[in-house]
Every structure is written in C-alpha cells, then in structure tokens.
Amino acid sequence: MDRVAIFTDSASDMDSAEAAASGISIVPLLVTFGTQEFRAGVDLTTAEFWERMTAPDAPFPKTAASSPGDFKDAYERAFAEGAGSIVSIHVAGSLSGTIKSAQIARDMLPDREIQIVDSQGASMAEGILCRMAVEMAAEGRSAEQIAEALEARVGDMTIYVALESLEYLKKGGRISGAQAAIGTLLSVKPIIMVKHGVVETADRVRTRSKARERLLELITEHPIERLAILHTLAPDVEEFRQEVLRRSPGLDPAKVSVELVGASVGPHLGPGCVGATILYRPS
C-alpha cells in the first residue's frame, strides 16, 4: 500500500525530534520580532523564541501563516520521496490563515491525494491528531480513512489554559488596556478554553492557586483518552502533570506528554502559564 505522509504546521507545538522520529513533516509558520523574521522551529527554536519573548524591552512578536507555495513545495518533496498520499492537519481555520494556504496548495496539485484536516484548535490539538494519524497509517488505513476518523474526533478535543497575566492578551490586541488594568488590579486569573475553533473564557478566578485548582477540575471532569500538558516556562509543570494523573487513575501516563508552547500561540499567553489539550473519550 502507498505510504501516507502526515503533515502539520508549527502551531502544533510538536517536538521536532518526536515529529522527525514519527515521520511527521512540520511546515513552519513565520514569526517576526521587529524587523527580524524567522521560520518557527527552523530559524528559531522554541527555547530561542522564549529567550527573545522574555527579554527586556523586546518588541512584541507577530506571526503569519506559511504561503501556499511553502506548502506546495513541502507536499511535492513528500511525493518525490515516495509518499502515495498526504494527510495535512492544521490550526483552526477560524484562528489562522494557515489551513487556507494548505488548501490552495492542494488545489495546485489536482492529480495528488491530499486530505486537509481542520483541528478546530491549535497547539497540541493538532499534535494529538498527528499522533493518531501516524498510528492509523501504520495500521494500513488510507489517507481518506484517516482524515474521516480524525474529523470525527475533533469535537472531543478541548484546550484549557490558566493565564498568569492579562498583559499579553492586551499586547496582542485581544483585550483593551482598561480591561487588562482592571484584571490586574483584581488579581484576576482567567482560564481560557479553545473548542470548535472558538476561544472563550472558561472561568475567572482570583489567585494563582485557585486558578490551578479550577484548571484541574475542568481538565478531569470527563474521562480522558489522551492528554498533552501545555506550559509557557511554568516552573511547576511536572507537579501539575502528576496531579492530573492522580485525578485520572485510568489514564496511561505514557499518553500524557509535556509540551512547551511555541511562537504561534505563546505570544498571546505570555510566560508562566500552564494548561492542557485533552482528547476526551467519546460520550
């Protein structure tokens, strides 16, 4: 059977070593600091991104989708290397223009089978779907079967993140300066949720410890199938992971990874945050 190649973008926050070992190709998004532009994960590692992001007086980074030409070139390389078809899994179309670029590239290669999957999320919502796609490809499923199976599960995926500060939402233009000032004055720690491609506020609590507790409650309120702990240089991330496992006794620890959020999502969160991408068991 023809090999099914799996693609994603750098907004997936997939570890590059894991992706390479699994045969997952990552098309990098662009990140700009002032006049300097980088390909996320290629010219700028996630660690280097956070060094720049947290440097004193650093310009606030801007991100942009890869071009259709970038995707077309990447797809053509995969076919030249023997792939028979492609499943390409991307950040929600409601959050980024990345998937549009992938779709245009697909349409530029009409004689090739390229299945595009909208993760309806970001970060490890893409990453978890990629891991599932690799497993299904190894079982011999076709690209069409893999895409259909993934699309049937995106509704079971939710992202929760407890923010340390409202400052970065303000810098990114997501909230006003007045809203950020009021939130800071009241020590508000919002917990944001991403589901069905929509970013919403799941809760607002006072103090960091209460935010962590509420976050744990939200993550573990339904039976979990797979989970990735997310963080932005949070010092207590391993402690948080262990607490999630303690509260989810049926969860396989091998299926609970820890991922450092990168350049596509990180600017809106800022440092010190913790959260999770959860694939819940179908109800």
C-alpha atoms as a PDB file:
ATOM      1  CA  MET A   1       0.000   0.000   0.000  1.00  0.00           C
ATOM      2  CA  ASP A   2       1.211   3.533  -0.767  1.00  0.00           C
ATOM      3  CA  ARG A   3       2.732   5.384   2.160  1.00  0.00           C
ATOM      4  CA  VAL A   4       0.561   8.061   3.767  1.00  0.00           C
ATOM      5  CA  ALA A   5       2.644  11.106   4.716  1.00  0.00           C
ATOM      6  CA  ILE A   6       1.487  13.164   7.715  1.00  0.00           C
ATOM      7  CA  PHE A   7       1.893  16.946   7.743  1.00  0.00           C
ATOM      8  CA  THR A   8       1.167  19.679  10.243  1.00  0.00           C
ATOM      9  CA  ASP A   9       2.298  23.248  10.936  1.00  0.00           C
ATOM     10  CA  SER A  10       4.488  24.725  13.665  1.00  0.00           C
ATOM     11  CA  ALA A  11       1.426  25.993  15.568  1.00  0.00           C
ATOM     12  CA  SER A  12       1.039  22.347  16.607  1.00  0.00           C
ATOM     13  CA  ASP A  13       3.865  22.767  19.166  1.00  0.00           C
ATOM     14  CA  MET A  14       5.032  19.258  18.322  1.00  0.00           C
ATOM     15  CA  ASP A  15       8.549  18.489  19.446  1.00  0.00           C
ATOM     16  CA  SER A  16      10.715  18.452  16.317  1.00  0.00           C
ATOM     17  CA  ALA A  17      12.581  15.307  17.398  1.00  0.00           C
ATOM     18  CA  GLU A  18       9.314  13.432  18.008  1.00  0.00           C
ATOM     19  CA  ALA A  19       7.948  14.617  14.663  1.00  0.00           C
ATOM     20  CA  ALA A  20      11.074  13.503  12.808  1.00  0.00           C
ATOM     21  CA  ALA A  21      11.074  10.107  14.518  1.00  0.00           C
ATOM     22  CA  SER A  22       7.387   9.629  13.675  1.00  0.00           C
ATOM     23  CA  GLY A  23       7.743  10.775  10.082  1.00  0.00           C
ATOM     24  CA  ILE A  24       5.615  13.894  10.612  1.00  0.00           C
ATOM     25  CA  SER A  25       6.548  16.894   8.451  1.00  0.00           C
ATOM     26  CA  ILE A  26       6.112  20.353  10.005  1.00  0.00           C
ATOM     27  CA  VAL A  27       5.567  23.356   7.747  1.00  0.00           C
ATOM     28  CA  PRO A  28       6.829  26.381   9.706  1.00  0.00           C
ATOM     29  CA  LEU A  29       4.777  29.487  10.325  1.00  0.00           C
ATOM     30  CA  LEU A  30       6.555  32.832  10.366  1.00  0.00           C
ATOM     31  CA  VAL A  31       7.329  34.890  13.474  1.00  0.00           C
ATOM     32  CA  THR A  32       8.651  38.449  13.400  1.00  0.00           C
ATOM     33  CA  PHE A  33      10.431  40.370  16.156  1.00  0.00           C
ATOM     34  CA  GLY A  34      10.715  43.951  14.986  1.00  0.00           C
ATOM     35  CA  THR A  35      12.431  43.729  11.584  1.00  0.00           C
ATOM     36  CA  GLN A  36      13.687  40.172  12.052  1.00  0.00           C
ATOM     37  CA  GLU A  37      11.627  37.368  10.533  1.00  0.00           C
ATOM     38  CA  PHE A  38      12.089  33.690  11.386  1.00  0.00           C
ATOM     39  CA  ARG A  39      10.581  30.359  10.403  1.00  0.00           C
ATOM     40  CA  ALA A  40       9.298  28.911  13.651  1.00  0.00           C
ATOM     41  CA  GLY A  41      11.180  25.757  14.583  1.00  0.00           C
ATOM     42  CA  VAL A  42      13.667  26.195  11.727  1.00  0.00           C
ATOM     43  CA  ASP A  43      15.475  29.517  12.175  1.00  0.00           C
ATOM     44  CA  LEU A  44      14.168  29.953  15.708  1.00  0.00           C
ATOM     45  CA  THR A  45      13.756  27.135  18.217  1.00  0.00           C
ATOM     46  CA  THR A  46      11.017  27.284  20.828  1.00  0.00           C
ATOM     47  CA  ALA A  47      13.641  27.918  23.534  1.00  0.00           C
ATOM     48  CA  GLU A  48      15.114  30.773  21.483  1.00  0.00           C
ATOM     49  CA  PHE A  49      11.644  32.213  20.951  1.00  0.00           C
ATOM     50  CA  TRP A  50      11.074  32.406  24.721  1.00  0.00           C
ATOM     51  CA  GLU A  51      14.502  33.990  25.253  1.00  0.00           C
ATOM     52  CA  ARG A  52      13.504  36.768  22.876  1.00  0.00           C
ATOM     53  CA  MET A  53       9.934  36.951  24.151  1.00  0.00           C
ATOM     54  CA  THR A  54      11.004  37.492  27.766  1.00  0.00           C
ATOM     55  CA  ALA A  55      13.962  39.784  27.068  1.00  0.00           C
ATOM     56  CA  PRO A  56      13.669  43.321  28.499  1.00  0.00           C
ATOM     57  CA  ASP A  57      12.164  45.791  26.026  1.00  0.00           C
ATOM     58  CA  ALA A  58      11.719  43.073  23.386  1.00  0.00           C
ATOM     59  CA  PRO A  59       9.306  44.003  20.567  1.00  0.00           C
ATOM     60  CA  PHE A  60       6.047  42.073  20.693  1.00  0.00           C
ATOM     61  CA  PRO A  61       6.245  39.279  18.106  1.00  0.00           C
ATOM     62  CA  LYS A  62       3.893  38.956  15.168  1.00  0.00           C
ATOM     63  CA  THR A  63       3.037  35.700  13.447  1.00  0.00           C
ATOM     64  CA  ALA A  64       1.948  34.878   9.915  1.00  0.00           C
ATOM     65  CA  ALA A  65       0.814  31.785   8.058  1.00  0.00           C
ATOM     66  CA  SER A  66       3.074  29.966   5.643  1.00  0.00           C
ATOM     67  CA  SER A  67       2.383  30.679   1.989  1.00  0.00           C
ATOM     68  CA  PRO A  68       0.622  28.285  -0.401  1.00  0.00           C
ATOM     69  CA  GLY A  69       3.964  27.987  -2.186  1.00  0.00           C
ATOM     70  CA  ASP A  70       5.632  26.749   1.014  1.00  0.00           C
ATOM     71  CA  PHE A  71       3.004  24.037   1.362  1.00  0.00           C
ATOM     72  CA  LYS A  72       3.156  23.106  -2.321  1.00  0.00           C
ATOM     73  CA  ASP A  73       6.941  22.690  -2.137  1.00  0.00           C
ATOM     74  CA  ALA A  74       6.669  20.575   1.010  1.00  0.00           C
ATOM     75  CA  TYR A  75       3.959  18.368  -0.481  1.00  0.00           C
ATOM     76  CA  GLU A  76       5.911  17.881  -3.706  1.00  0.00           C
ATOM     77  CA  ARG A  77       9.006  16.815  -1.731  1.00  0.00           C
ATOM     78  CA  ALA A  78       6.952  14.185   0.085  1.00  0.00           C
ATOM     79  CA  PHE A  79       5.614  12.771  -3.174  1.00  0.00           C
ATOM     80  CA  ALA A  80       9.098  12.802  -4.697  1.00  0.00           C
ATOM     81  CA  GLU A  81      10.300  10.794  -1.684  1.00  0.00           C
ATOM     82  CA  GLY A  82       7.695   8.105  -2.297  1.00  0.00           C
ATOM     83  CA  ALA A  83       4.531   9.173  -0.480  1.00  0.00           C
ATOM     84  CA  GLY A  84       1.366   7.985  -2.182  1.00  0.00           C
ATOM     85  CA  SER A  85      -0.950  10.404  -0.369  1.00  0.00           C
ATOM     86  CA  ILE A  86      -0.915  13.075   2.348  1.00  0.00           C
ATOM     87  CA  VAL A  87      -2.964  13.900   5.430  1.00  0.00           C
ATOM     88  CA  SER A  88      -2.294  17.517   6.452  1.00  0.00           C
ATOM     89  CA  ILE A  89      -3.542  18.575   9.913  1.00  0.00           C
ATOM     90  CA  HIS A  90      -3.690  22.249  10.806  1.00  0.00           C
ATOM     91  CA  VAL A  91      -4.540  25.031  13.234  1.00  0.00           C
ATOM     92  CA  ALA A  92      -8.215  26.010  13.138  1.00  0.00           C
ATOM     93  CA  GLY A  93      -9.250  27.999  10.108  1.00  0.00           C
ATOM     94  CA  SER A  94     -11.094  30.349  12.457  1.00  0.00           C
ATOM     95  CA  LEU A  95      -7.785  31.230  14.171  1.00  0.00           C
ATOM     96  CA  SER A  96      -5.277  31.352  11.323  1.00  0.00           C
ATOM     97  CA  GLY A  97      -4.971  31.526   7.556  1.00  0.00           C
ATOM     98  CA  THR A  98      -2.645  28.512   7.587  1.00  0.00           C
ATOM     99  CA  ILE A  99      -5.225  25.953   6.507  1.00  0.00           C
ATOM    100  CA  LYS A 100      -6.266  28.184   3.619  1.00  0.00           C
ATOM    101  CA  SER A 101      -2.676  28.128   2.349  1.00  0.00           C
ATOM    102  CA  ALA A 102      -2.669  24.332   2.627  1.00  0.00           C
ATOM    103  CA  GLN A 103      -5.947  24.101   0.707  1.00  0.00           C
ATOM    104  CA  ILE A 104      -4.654  26.353  -2.075  1.00  0.00           C
ATOM    105  CA  ALA A 105      -1.522  24.201  -2.318  1.00  0.00           C
ATOM    106  CA  ARG A 106      -3.667  21.073  -2.524  1.00  0.00           C
ATOM    107  CA  ASP A 107      -5.674  22.599  -5.361  1.00  0.00           C
ATOM    108  CA  MET A 108      -2.387  23.342  -7.187  1.00  0.00           C
ATOM    109  CA  LEU A 109      -1.681  19.591  -7.207  1.00  0.00           C
ATOM    110  CA  PRO A 110      -5.002  18.232  -8.548  1.00  0.00           C
ATOM    111  CA  ASP A 111      -3.564  14.853  -9.548  1.00  0.00           C
ATOM    112  CA  ARG A 112      -2.396  14.093  -5.994  1.00  0.00           C
ATOM    113  CA  GLU A 113      -4.399  12.930  -2.983  1.00  0.00           C
ATOM    114  CA  ILE A 114      -4.040  15.474  -0.174  1.00  0.00           C
ATOM    115  CA  GLN A 115      -6.535  15.337   2.684  1.00  0.00           C
ATOM    116  CA  ILE A 116      -6.738  18.568   4.735  1.00  0.00           C
ATOM    117  CA  VAL A 117      -7.963  18.310   8.341  1.00  0.00           C
ATOM    118  CA  ASP A 118      -9.017  21.321  10.419  1.00  0.00           C
ATOM    119  CA  SER A 119      -8.093  20.532  14.038  1.00  0.00           C
ATOM    120  CA  GLN A 120     -10.577  23.193  15.220  1.00  0.00           C
ATOM    121  CA  GLY A 121      -7.909  24.103  17.747  1.00  0.00           C
ATOM    122  CA  ALA A 122      -4.223  24.905  17.979  1.00  0.00           C
ATOM    123  CA  SER A 123      -1.107  23.650  19.709  1.00  0.00           C
ATOM    124  CA  MET A 124      -1.390  20.005  20.697  1.00  0.00           C
ATOM    125  CA  ALA A 125      -4.947  19.733  19.375  1.00  0.00           C
ATOM    126  CA  GLU A 126      -3.036  19.348  16.117  1.00  0.00           C
ATOM    127  CA  GLY A 127      -0.283  17.306  17.738  1.00  0.00           C
ATOM    128  CA  ILE A 128      -2.590  14.701  19.257  1.00  0.00           C
ATOM    129  CA  LEU A 129      -4.374  14.275  15.923  1.00  0.00           C
ATOM    130  CA  CYS A 130      -0.984  13.833  14.235  1.00  0.00           C
ATOM    131  CA  ARG A 131      -0.068  11.067  16.671  1.00  0.00           C
ATOM    132  CA  MET A 132      -3.354   9.332  15.948  1.00  0.00           C
ATOM    133  CA  ALA A 133      -2.803   9.733  12.193  1.00  0.00           C
ATOM    134  CA  VAL A 134       0.633   8.099  12.426  1.00  0.00           C
ATOM    135  CA  GLU A 135      -0.869   5.146  14.304  1.00  0.00           C
ATOM    136  CA  MET A 136      -3.645   4.725  11.734  1.00  0.00           C
ATOM    137  CA  ALA A 137      -1.214   4.980   8.813  1.00  0.00           C
ATOM    138  CA  ALA A 138       0.878   2.230  10.425  1.00  0.00           C
ATOM    139  CA  GLU A 139      -2.274   0.077  10.556  1.00  0.00           C
ATOM    140  CA  GLY A 140      -2.638   0.471   6.793  1.00  0.00           C
ATOM    141  CA  ARG A 141      -5.532   2.894   6.666  1.00  0.00           C
ATOM    142  CA  SER A 142      -5.863   5.128   3.617  1.00  0.00           C
ATOM    143  CA  ALA A 143      -5.483   8.903   3.722  1.00  0.00           C
ATOM    144  CA  GLU A 144      -9.228   9.317   3.248  1.00  0.00           C
ATOM    145  CA  GLN A 145      -9.988   6.912   6.102  1.00  0.00           C
ATOM    146  CA  ILE A 146      -7.524   8.672   8.399  1.00  0.00           C
ATOM    147  CA  ALA A 147      -8.954  12.117   7.617  1.00  0.00           C
ATOM    148  CA  GLU A 148     -12.516  10.922   8.214  1.00  0.00           C
ATOM    149  CA  ALA A 149     -11.546   9.308  11.539  1.00  0.00           C
ATOM    150  CA  LEU A 150      -9.763  12.466  12.730  1.00  0.00           C
ATOM    151  CA  GLU A 151     -12.622  14.745  11.701  1.00  0.00           C
ATOM    152  CA  ALA A 152     -14.986  12.532  13.694  1.00  0.00           C
ATOM    153  CA  ARG A 153     -12.913  13.185  16.842  1.00  0.00           C
ATOM    154  CA  VAL A 154     -12.160  16.916  16.723  1.00  0.00           C
ATOM    155  CA  GLY A 155     -15.328  17.627  18.691  1.00  0.00           C
ATOM    156  CA  ASP A 156     -13.921  15.566  21.585  1.00  0.00           C
ATOM    157  CA  MET A 157     -10.892  17.880  21.858  1.00  0.00           C
ATOM    158  CA  THR A 158     -10.650  20.806  24.284  1.00  0.00           C
ATOM    159  CA  ILE A 159      -7.802  23.118  25.302  1.00  0.00           C
ATOM    160  CA  TYR A 160      -7.693  24.841  28.693  1.00  0.00           C
ATOM    161  CA  VAL A 161      -5.002  27.334  29.775  1.00  0.00           C
ATOM    162  CA  ALA A 162      -4.748  29.310  33.011  1.00  0.00           C
ATOM    163  CA  LEU A 163      -3.191  32.693  32.266  1.00  0.00           C
ATOM    164  CA  GLU A 164      -0.705  34.291  34.629  1.00  0.00           C
ATOM    165  CA  SER A 165      -1.376  37.789  33.363  1.00  0.00           C
ATOM    166  CA  LEU A 166      -3.693  39.712  31.069  1.00  0.00           C
ATOM    167  CA  GLU A 167      -0.755  41.763  29.799  1.00  0.00           C
ATOM    168  CA  TYR A 168      -0.041  39.576  26.775  1.00  0.00           C
ATOM    169  CA  LEU A 169      -3.663  39.476  25.637  1.00  0.00           C
ATOM    170  CA  LYS A 170      -3.509  43.261  25.763  1.00  0.00           C
ATOM    171  CA  LYS A 171      -0.246  43.378  23.775  1.00  0.00           C
ATOM    172  CA  GLY A 172      -1.736  41.061  21.161  1.00  0.00           C
ATOM    173  CA  GLY A 173      -4.815  43.281  20.844  1.00  0.00           C
ATOM    174  CA  ARG A 174      -7.194  40.658  22.258  1.00  0.00           C
ATOM    175  CA  ILE A 175      -8.380  42.875  25.126  1.00  0.00           C
ATOM    176  CA  SER A 176      -8.197  46.592  25.900  1.00  0.00           C
ATOM    177  CA  GLY A 177      -5.692  48.247  28.187  1.00  0.00           C
ATOM    178  CA  ALA A 178      -8.515  49.149  30.577  1.00  0.00           C
ATOM    179  CA  GLN A 179      -9.660  45.526  30.783  1.00  0.00           C
ATOM    180  CA  ALA A 180      -6.111  44.393  31.493  1.00  0.00           C
ATOM    181  CA  ALA A 181      -5.634  47.065  34.164  1.00  0.00           C
ATOM    182  CA  ILE A 182      -8.860  46.120  35.949  1.00  0.00           C
ATOM    183  CA  GLY A 183      -7.999  42.447  35.796  1.00  0.00           C
ATOM    184  CA  THR A 184      -4.534  43.070  37.209  1.00  0.00           C
ATOM    185  CA  LEU A 185      -5.929  45.240  39.993  1.00  0.00           C
ATOM    186  CA  LEU A 186      -8.363  42.487  40.980  1.00  0.00           C
ATOM    187  CA  SER A 187      -5.733  39.727  40.602  1.00  0.00           C
ATOM    188  CA  VAL A 188      -7.985  38.003  38.085  1.00  0.00           C
ATOM    189  CA  LYS A 189      -6.565  34.791  36.596  1.00  0.00           C
ATOM    190  CA  PRO A 190      -8.702  33.886  33.583  1.00  0.00           C
ATOM    191  CA  ILE A 191      -8.875  30.334  32.278  1.00  0.00           C
ATOM    192  CA  ILE A 192      -9.353  30.273  28.538  1.00  0.00           C
ATOM    193  CA  MET A 193     -10.831  27.423  26.522  1.00  0.00           C
ATOM    194  CA  VAL A 194     -10.477  26.543  22.841  1.00  0.00           C
ATOM    195  CA  LYS A 195     -13.153  24.269  21.391  1.00  0.00           C
ATOM    196  CA  HIS A 196     -14.745  24.028  17.926  1.00  0.00           C
ATOM    197  CA  GLY A 197     -12.298  26.692  16.746  1.00  0.00           C
ATOM    198  CA  VAL A 198     -13.539  29.292  19.238  1.00  0.00           C
ATOM    199  CA  VAL A 199     -11.542  30.899  22.058  1.00  0.00           C
ATOM    200  CA  GLU A 200     -13.689  31.584  25.121  1.00  0.00           C
ATOM    201  CA  THR A 201     -13.274  32.339  28.807  1.00  0.00           C
ATOM    202  CA  ALA A 202     -13.999  29.151  30.751  1.00  0.00           C
ATOM    203  CA  ASP A 203     -13.751  30.843  34.161  1.00  0.00           C
ATOM    204  CA  ARG A 204     -12.264  33.784  36.026  1.00  0.00           C
ATOM    205  CA  VAL A 205     -10.802  33.163  39.466  1.00  0.00           C
ATOM    206  CA  ARG A 206      -8.752  35.088  41.993  1.00  0.00           C
ATOM    207  CA  THR A 207      -5.199  33.988  42.815  1.00  0.00           C
ATOM    208  CA  ARG A 208      -2.874  31.567  41.140  1.00  0.00           C
ATOM    209  CA  SER A 209      -3.581  28.630  43.460  1.00  0.00           C
ATOM    210  CA  LYS A 210      -7.327  28.867  42.845  1.00  0.00           C
ATOM    211  CA  ALA A 211      -6.730  29.044  39.118  1.00  0.00           C
ATOM    212  CA  ARG A 212      -4.625  25.865  39.234  1.00  0.00           C
ATOM    213  CA  GLU A 213      -7.306  24.036  41.217  1.00  0.00           C
ATOM    214  CA  ARG A 214     -10.094  25.146  38.890  1.00  0.00           C
ATOM    215  CA  LEU A 215      -8.000  24.171  35.880  1.00  0.00           C
ATOM    216  CA  LEU A 216      -7.515  20.674  37.293  1.00  0.00           C
ATOM    217  CA  GLU A 217     -11.268  20.380  37.855  1.00  0.00           C
ATOM    218  CA  LEU A 218     -12.022  21.388  34.271  1.00  0.00           C
ATOM    219  CA  ILE A 219      -9.434  19.056  32.741  1.00  0.00           C
ATOM    220  CA  THR A 220     -10.551  15.985  34.689  1.00  0.00           C
ATOM    221  CA  GLU A 221     -14.329  16.479  34.613  1.00  0.00           C
ATOM    222  CA  HIS A 222     -14.756  13.848  31.855  1.00  0.00           C
ATOM    223  CA  PRO A 223     -12.934  10.558  31.108  1.00  0.00           C
ATOM    224  CA  ILE A 224      -9.701  11.281  29.222  1.00  0.00           C
ATOM    225  CA  GLU A 225      -8.346   9.287  26.286  1.00  0.00           C
ATOM    226  CA  ARG A 226      -5.203  11.309  25.518  1.00  0.00           C
ATOM    227  CA  LEU A 227      -3.727  14.433  27.014  1.00  0.00           C
ATOM    228  CA  ALA A 228      -0.834  16.841  26.494  1.00  0.00           C
ATOM    229  CA  ILE A 229       0.177  19.205  29.283  1.00  0.00           C
ATOM    230  CA  LEU A 230       0.994  22.653  27.885  1.00  0.00           C
ATOM    231  CA  HIS A 231       3.157  25.302  29.505  1.00  0.00           C
ATOM    232  CA  THR A 232       4.996  28.535  28.821  1.00  0.00           C
ATOM    233  CA  LEU A 233       8.064  28.156  31.036  1.00  0.00           C
ATOM    234  CA  ALA A 234       5.898  27.230  34.050  1.00  0.00           C
ATOM    235  CA  PRO A 235       8.179  26.012  36.870  1.00  0.00           C
ATOM    236  CA  ASP A 236       5.541  23.704  38.345  1.00  0.00           C
ATOM    237  CA  VAL A 237       4.585  21.886  35.128  1.00  0.00           C
ATOM    238  CA  GLU A 238       5.740  18.417  36.259  1.00  0.00           C
ATOM    239  CA  GLU A 239       3.937  18.814  39.571  1.00  0.00           C
ATOM    240  CA  PHE A 240       0.821  19.779  37.611  1.00  0.00           C
ATOM    241  CA  ARG A 241       1.186  16.717  35.352  1.00  0.00           C
ATOM    242  CA  GLN A 242       1.431  14.414  38.346  1.00  0.00           C
ATOM    243  CA  GLU A 243      -1.709  15.916  39.854  1.00  0.00           C
ATOM    244  CA  VAL A 244      -3.634  15.376  36.603  1.00  0.00           C
ATOM    245  CA  LEU A 245      -2.531  11.737  36.612  1.00  0.00           C
ATOM    246  CA  ARG A 246      -3.509  11.347  40.271  1.00  0.00           C
ATOM    247  CA  ARG A 247      -7.005  12.597  39.483  1.00  0.00           C
ATOM    248  CA  SER A 248      -7.318  10.405  36.361  1.00  0.00           C
ATOM    249  CA  PRO A 249      -6.420   6.907  37.594  1.00  0.00           C
ATOM    250  CA  GLY A 250      -7.396   5.189  34.332  1.00  0.00           C
ATOM    251  CA  LEU A 251      -5.126   7.394  32.202  1.00  0.00           C
ATOM    252  CA  ASP A 252      -1.964   5.838  30.777  1.00  0.00           C
ATOM    253  CA  PRO A 253       0.995   8.040  31.890  1.00  0.00           C
ATOM    254  CA  ALA A 254       2.721   7.198  28.599  1.00  0.00           C
ATOM    255  CA  LYS A 255      -0.054   9.108  26.801  1.00  0.00           C
ATOM    256  CA  VAL A 256       0.424  12.273  28.860  1.00  0.00           C
ATOM    257  CA  SER A 257       3.194  14.350  27.288  1.00  0.00           C
ATOM    258  CA  VAL A 258       4.508  17.760  28.372  1.00  0.00           C
ATOM    259  CA  GLU A 259       4.909  20.353  25.619  1.00  0.00           C
ATOM    260  CA  LEU A 260       6.399  23.840  25.670  1.00  0.00           C
ATOM    261  CA  VAL A 261       4.097  26.182  23.737  1.00  0.00           C
ATOM    262  CA  GLY A 262       5.874  27.866  20.854  1.00  0.00           C
ATOM    263  CA  ALA A 263       5.890  31.000  18.745  1.00  0.00           C
ATOM    264  CA  SER A 264       2.413  30.756  17.231  1.00  0.00           C
ATOM    265  CA  VAL A 265       0.360  30.599  20.433  1.00  0.00           C
ATOM    266  CA  GLY A 266       2.886  31.733  23.047  1.00  0.00           C
ATOM    267  CA  PRO A 267       2.724  35.493  22.379  1.00  0.00           C
ATOM    268  CA  HIS A 268      -0.948  35.583  23.403  1.00  0.00           C
ATOM    269  CA  LEU A 269      -0.331  33.661  26.636  1.00  0.00           C
ATOM    270  CA  GLY A 270       2.947  35.018  27.986  1.00  0.00           C
ATOM    271  CA  PRO A 271       5.338  33.147  30.282  1.00  0.00           C
ATOM    272  CA  GLY A 272       4.401  31.087  33.349  1.00  0.00           C
ATOM    273  CA  CYS A 273       1.113  29.614  32.069  1.00  0.00           C
ATOM    274  CA  VAL A 274       0.027  26.015  32.357  1.00  0.00           C
ATOM    275  CA  GLY A 275      -2.801  24.158  30.661  1.00  0.00           C
ATOM    276  CA  ALA A 276      -3.677  21.063  28.669  1.00  0.00           C
ATOM    277  CA  THR A 277      -5.029  19.770  25.405  1.00  0.00           C
ATOM    278  CA  ILE A 278      -7.448  16.952  26.160  1.00  0.00           C
ATOM    279  CA  LEU A 279      -8.993  14.352  23.898  1.00  0.00           C
ATOM    280  CA  TYR A 280     -11.959  13.113  25.891  1.00  0.00           C
ATOM    281  CA  ARG A 281     -13.394   9.652  25.431  1.00  0.00           C
ATOM    282  CA  PRO A 282     -16.498   9.750  23.201  1.00  0.00           C
ATOM    283  CA  SER A 283     -19.656  10.060  25.260  1.00  0.00           C
END
